[in-house]
Amino acid sequence: MAKKSAPKSFEDAIARLEAITQSMQNNAQPLEEALENYAEGVELVRYCQQKLAAVEQKIQVLDHGDLKDWELEGE
């Protein structure tokens, strides 16, 4: 199985995850292809989790160590 290159951005990773999910839900894939897609999906999820954790850490630093709840307007 060839290793896929890392996504260029969080948004690219999410888009690829959505494509993998749709493909796995809509197609009768051969077992080997489904396994490769699953493995790629796992790596993309890890990438996204790392990116989100890094952003959360930066936000805490910007807010002087306090992680605050974020409320959308109109709630």
C-alpha atoms as a PDB file:
ATOM      1  CA  MET A   1       0.000   0.000   0.000  1.00  0.00           C
ATOM      2  CA  ALA A   2       1.500   3.330  -1.040  1.00  0.00           C
ATOM      3  CA  LYS A   3       1.644   5.983   1.659  1.00  0.00           C
ATOM      4  CA  LYS A   4      -0.407   9.048   0.781  1.00  0.00           C
ATOM      5  CA  SER A   5       1.182  12.455   1.212  1.00  0.00           C
ATOM      6  CA  ALA A   6      -0.001  14.643   4.072  1.00  0.00           C
ATOM      7  CA  PRO A   7      -2.863  17.003   3.251  1.00  0.00           C
ATOM      8  CA  LYS A   8      -1.982  20.606   2.473  1.00  0.00           C
ATOM      9  CA  SER A   9      -4.518  21.938   4.964  1.00  0.00           C
ATOM     10  CA  PHE A  10      -7.179  21.003   7.501  1.00  0.00           C
ATOM     11  CA  GLU A  11      -9.827  21.801   4.913  1.00  0.00           C
ATOM     12  CA  ASP A  12      -8.198  19.485   2.351  1.00  0.00           C
ATOM     13  CA  ALA A  13      -8.132  16.693   4.928  1.00  0.00           C
ATOM     14  CA  ILE A  14     -11.826  17.167   5.746  1.00  0.00           C
ATOM     15  CA  ALA A  15     -12.729  17.174   2.046  1.00  0.00           C
ATOM     16  CA  ARG A  16     -10.794  13.945   1.485  1.00  0.00           C
ATOM     17  CA  LEU A  17     -12.427  12.348   4.545  1.00  0.00           C
ATOM     18  CA  GLU A  18     -15.843  13.260   3.159  1.00  0.00           C
ATOM     19  CA  ALA A  19     -14.931  11.745  -0.214  1.00  0.00           C
ATOM     20  CA  ILE A  20     -13.675   8.535   1.407  1.00  0.00           C
ATOM     21  CA  THR A  21     -16.800   8.264   3.551  1.00  0.00           C
ATOM     22  CA  GLN A  22     -19.100   8.774   0.595  1.00  0.00           C
ATOM     23  CA  SER A  23     -17.168   6.295  -1.521  1.00  0.00           C
ATOM     24  CA  MET A  24     -17.301   3.641   1.185  1.00  0.00           C
ATOM     25  CA  GLN A  25     -21.017   4.183   1.733  1.00  0.00           C
ATOM     26  CA  ASN A  26     -22.053   4.245  -1.926  1.00  0.00           C
ATOM     27  CA  ASN A  27     -19.819   1.653  -3.593  1.00  0.00           C
ATOM     28  CA  ALA A  28     -19.281  -2.032  -3.254  1.00  0.00           C
ATOM     29  CA  GLN A  29     -15.507  -1.783  -3.012  1.00  0.00           C
ATOM     30  CA  PRO A  30     -13.152  -4.720  -3.070  1.00  0.00           C
ATOM     31  CA  LEU A  31     -11.973  -5.586   0.435  1.00  0.00           C
ATOM     32  CA  GLU A  32      -8.394  -4.432  -0.194  1.00  0.00           C
ATOM     33  CA  GLU A  33      -9.530  -1.038  -1.519  1.00  0.00           C
ATOM     34  CA  ALA A  34     -11.906  -0.559   1.411  1.00  0.00           C
ATOM     35  CA  LEU A  35      -9.058  -1.358   3.819  1.00  0.00           C
ATOM     36  CA  GLU A  36      -6.760   1.152   2.102  1.00  0.00           C
ATOM     37  CA  ASN A  37      -9.473   3.817   2.271  1.00  0.00           C
ATOM     38  CA  TYR A  38     -10.081   3.048   5.939  1.00  0.00           C
ATOM     39  CA  ALA A  39      -6.358   3.325   6.726  1.00  0.00           C
ATOM     40  CA  GLU A  40      -6.136   6.644   4.871  1.00  0.00           C
ATOM     41  CA  GLY A  41      -9.194   7.879   6.758  1.00  0.00           C
ATOM     42  CA  VAL A  42      -7.613   7.003  10.096  1.00  0.00           C
ATOM     43  CA  GLU A  43      -4.488   8.969   9.172  1.00  0.00           C
ATOM     44  CA  LEU A  44      -6.581  11.943   8.069  1.00  0.00           C
ATOM     45  CA  VAL A  45      -8.537  11.899  11.344  1.00  0.00           C
ATOM     46  CA  ARG A  46      -5.256  11.905  13.292  1.00  0.00           C
ATOM     47  CA  TYR A  47      -3.994  14.811  11.185  1.00  0.00           C
ATOM     48  CA  CYS A  48      -7.193  16.778  11.850  1.00  0.00           C
ATOM     49  CA  GLN A  49      -7.070  16.042  15.581  1.00  0.00           C
ATOM     50  CA  GLN A  50      -3.470  17.278  15.743  1.00  0.00           C
ATOM     51  CA  LYS A  51      -4.338  20.460  13.860  1.00  0.00           C
ATOM     52  CA  LEU A  52      -7.323  21.152  16.130  1.00  0.00           C
ATOM     53  CA  ALA A  53      -5.235  20.529  19.254  1.00  0.00           C
ATOM     54  CA  ALA A  54      -2.580  22.961  17.987  1.00  0.00           C
ATOM     55  CA  VAL A  55      -5.198  25.634  17.306  1.00  0.00           C
ATOM     56  CA  GLU A  56      -6.762  25.094  20.735  1.00  0.00           C
ATOM     57  CA  GLN A  57      -3.342  25.529  22.345  1.00  0.00           C
ATOM     58  CA  LYS A  58      -2.748  28.768  20.431  1.00  0.00           C
ATOM     59  CA  ILE A  59      -6.149  30.083  21.512  1.00  0.00           C
ATOM     60  CA  GLN A  60      -5.340  29.319  25.141  1.00  0.00           C
ATOM     61  CA  VAL A  61      -2.063  31.229  24.820  1.00  0.00           C
ATOM     62  CA  LEU A  62      -3.842  34.175  23.218  1.00  0.00           C
ATOM     63  CA  ASP A  63      -6.433  34.151  26.006  1.00  0.00           C
ATOM     64  CA  HIS A  64      -3.711  34.057  28.681  1.00  0.00           C
ATOM     65  CA  GLY A  65      -4.250  30.415  29.560  1.00  0.00           C
ATOM     66  CA  ASP A  66      -8.040  30.545  29.823  1.00  0.00           C
ATOM     67  CA  LEU A  67     -10.046  28.411  27.437  1.00  0.00           C
ATOM     68  CA  LYS A  68     -13.364  30.206  27.097  1.00  0.00           C
ATOM     69  CA  ASP A  69     -16.667  28.920  25.774  1.00  0.00           C
ATOM     70  CA  TRP A  70     -17.427  30.199  22.337  1.00  0.00           C
ATOM     71  CA  GLU A  71     -20.958  31.359  21.750  1.00  0.00           C
ATOM     72  CA  LEU A  72     -22.377  32.027  18.338  1.00  0.00           C
ATOM     73  CA  GLU A  73     -24.463  35.127  17.866  1.00  0.00           C
ATOM     74  CA  GLY A  74     -28.171  34.472  18.308  1.00  0.00           C
ATOM     75  CA  GLU A  75     -27.818  31.693  20.868  1.00  0.00           C
END
